[in-house]
Amino acid sequence: MANLTIKNVPEKLHRRLKQSAAEHRRSVNSEVIACLERELMSRRVDPEEFLAEVRQLRERLAAKTGIFVTDKDLREAKNWGRP
């Protein structure tokens, strides 16, 4: 495994890393690795692919249940109860 040295870490960031490590019961080193993996190894979402998947799910739901949820329905549900 490779080693990495990080210099000049801002104090505020270092405190936050220590706090996060404690919350997750990890060492600071393990927390840094977890943060890097989460950021760099996550799959980037292509908006067009994502929307195509959502449309397919919406159509399957409509075919199975007879319920078709529109964009308007979603907006109204999202805004329901908001001032």
Protein backbone atom coordinates (compact mmCIF):
# COMPACT_ATOMS: atom_id res chain seq x y z
CA MET A 1 0.00 0.00 0.00
CA ALA A 2 1.17 3.51 -0.77
CA ASN A 3 1.87 6.18 1.83
CA LEU A 4 0.75 9.78 1.60
CA THR A 5 1.84 12.75 3.68
CA ILE A 6 -0.41 15.78 3.81
CA LYS A 7 1.21 19.02 4.90
CA ASN A 8 -0.20 22.36 5.98
CA VAL A 9 -3.66 21.08 6.89
CA PRO A 10 -5.69 24.04 8.17
CA GLU A 11 -6.36 23.76 11.90
CA LYS A 12 -10.13 24.03 11.43
CA LEU A 13 -10.11 21.15 8.93
CA HIS A 14 -7.88 19.07 11.22
CA ARG A 15 -10.29 19.59 14.14
CA ARG A 16 -13.21 18.59 11.94
CA LEU A 17 -11.39 15.45 10.77
CA LYS A 18 -10.64 14.49 14.38
CA GLN A 19 -14.26 15.08 15.35
CA SER A 20 -15.56 13.04 12.42
CA ALA A 21 -13.08 10.25 13.15
CA ALA A 22 -14.27 10.10 16.76
CA GLU A 23 -17.93 10.02 15.66
CA HIS A 24 -17.18 7.08 13.36
CA ARG A 25 -14.83 5.41 15.86
CA ARG A 26 -11.91 5.56 13.45
CA SER A 27 -8.42 6.93 13.50
CA VAL A 28 -7.83 10.24 11.72
CA ASN A 29 -5.90 8.31 9.07
CA SER A 30 -8.83 5.94 8.49
CA GLU A 31 -11.23 8.88 8.40
CA VAL A 32 -9.15 10.62 5.73
CA ILE A 33 -9.12 7.43 3.64
CA ALA A 34 -12.90 7.05 4.05
CA CYS A 35 -13.43 10.69 2.98
CA LEU A 36 -11.18 10.28 -0.05
CA GLU A 37 -12.87 7.03 -1.08
CA ARG A 38 -16.33 8.53 -0.68
CA GLU A 39 -15.38 11.55 -2.80
CA LEU A 40 -13.15 10.01 -5.44
CA MET A 41 -14.52 6.50 -5.82
CA SER A 42 -18.20 7.35 -6.01
CA ARG A 43 -19.93 6.94 -9.34
CA ARG A 44 -20.60 10.17 -11.16
CA VAL A 45 -24.23 10.41 -12.24
CA ASP A 46 -25.00 11.29 -15.83
CA PRO A 47 -28.15 13.45 -15.62
CA GLU A 48 -29.58 12.11 -18.89
CA GLU A 49 -29.09 8.48 -17.81
CA PHE A 50 -30.61 9.22 -14.41
CA LEU A 51 -33.67 10.89 -15.96
CA ALA A 52 -34.10 7.98 -18.39
CA GLU A 53 -34.08 5.54 -15.45
CA VAL A 54 -36.64 7.65 -13.59
CA ARG A 55 -38.91 7.74 -16.65
CA GLN A 56 -38.70 3.95 -16.97
CA LEU A 57 -39.56 3.49 -13.29
CA ARG A 58 -42.47 5.89 -13.65
CA GLU A 59 -43.80 3.95 -16.64
CA ARG A 60 -43.43 0.58 -14.86
CA LEU A 61 -45.29 1.95 -11.85
CA ALA A 62 -48.07 3.18 -14.11
CA ALA A 63 -48.27 -0.18 -15.89
CA LYS A 64 -48.46 -2.15 -12.63
CA THR A 65 -50.70 0.12 -10.58
CA GLY A 66 -52.46 2.39 -13.02
CA ILE A 67 -50.92 5.31 -11.16
CA PHE A 68 -48.89 7.79 -13.18
CA VAL A 69 -47.03 10.39 -11.15
CA THR A 70 -46.45 13.60 -13.07
CA ASP A 71 -43.87 16.30 -12.53
CA LYS A 72 -46.71 18.51 -11.34
CA ASP A 73 -47.71 15.86 -8.75
CA LEU A 74 -44.13 15.70 -7.48
CA ARG A 75 -43.83 19.50 -7.23
CA GLU A 76 -47.12 19.73 -5.34
CA ALA A 77 -46.09 16.96 -2.94
CA LYS A 78 -42.74 18.62 -2.36
CA ASN A 79 -44.29 22.00 -1.66
CA TRP A 80 -47.25 20.71 0.38
CA GLY A 81 -47.26 22.26 3.82
CA ARG A 82 -44.53 24.77 3.02
CA PRO A 83 -45.28 28.40 3.81
